[in-house]
Amino acid sequence: MFDLGIAAFVLLSAFAGWRKGFIAPLFAVALSLLGLYAIYAGPGAGMVPSGTAGLGLGVVVIGFAATFVMRIGGSLVSLVRRVGVLQRADHVLGVPLGALTGLVAAYVALVAIVSFDNVLAPFHGKATVDQAAVAALRAAVAANPQFAVMVDPSMLDAMAAQVAKAAIPADQLATFDQTLAFYETTVRPALLASVSAPILVAVGERLPFIGRHVDGLRH
């Protein structure tokens, strides 16, 4: 599932690159990289939060910079498209740039998923969820508050009240949180079976500015 999803996303990004061309997105990428340098290695470095939250800030910067450049670059694109040869070259060169952009976006998404997977480690491979697992998950969420949106504290309270009486069978997780149960039973097995996801995470770690080391997937 993950391999097909990544391949489809990269192909769609390549097609989008062909439609948008090379010139305008190139300027957008250049300005985005300049913005990332400013917040990660330049004047704003001291204000960037650590972990996935800091990575998310970079995604926001890329989005704003790309939108800004695409607007002001309209006149340049119009000029290029008046010349037939330049127009064809612009479309052809846009394909690899679009594919590369798709790969970077897929990497950022995978970093977030793997980071979330590591937070849920106390539940992985357990036939039942006991008090120790719930306490460990609560501690992991406290250490990574950005994931509190995905792991509802009230759900953890309900689980803690239940495991104080008896452990929760893994197949009954959906009674507390359907999203958590869906991740453990469907998303995670597909992620573990993926061939391309570990490669993309390992290669993406070397990317300037947005590259981040994350622990490998835990079986």
Foldseek 3Di string as FASTA:
>chain_A
DLVVVLVVLLQVLLQVLLVVFAPQVVQLVVVLVVVLCCCCPRDNNVVQDDDLSSLVVSVVSSVVSSVVSNVVCPVVLVVQVVDPVSSNNRSVVRNVVSSVVSLLVSLSVLSVVQLVLVLQVLLAPDQWAALVSLVSSVVSCVVVVVCCVVVPVVLSVVQNVVRVPNTGGLVCCVVSPVVVNCCRPPVLVVVVPDDVSVVSLVVQLPDPSNRDDDDDRDD
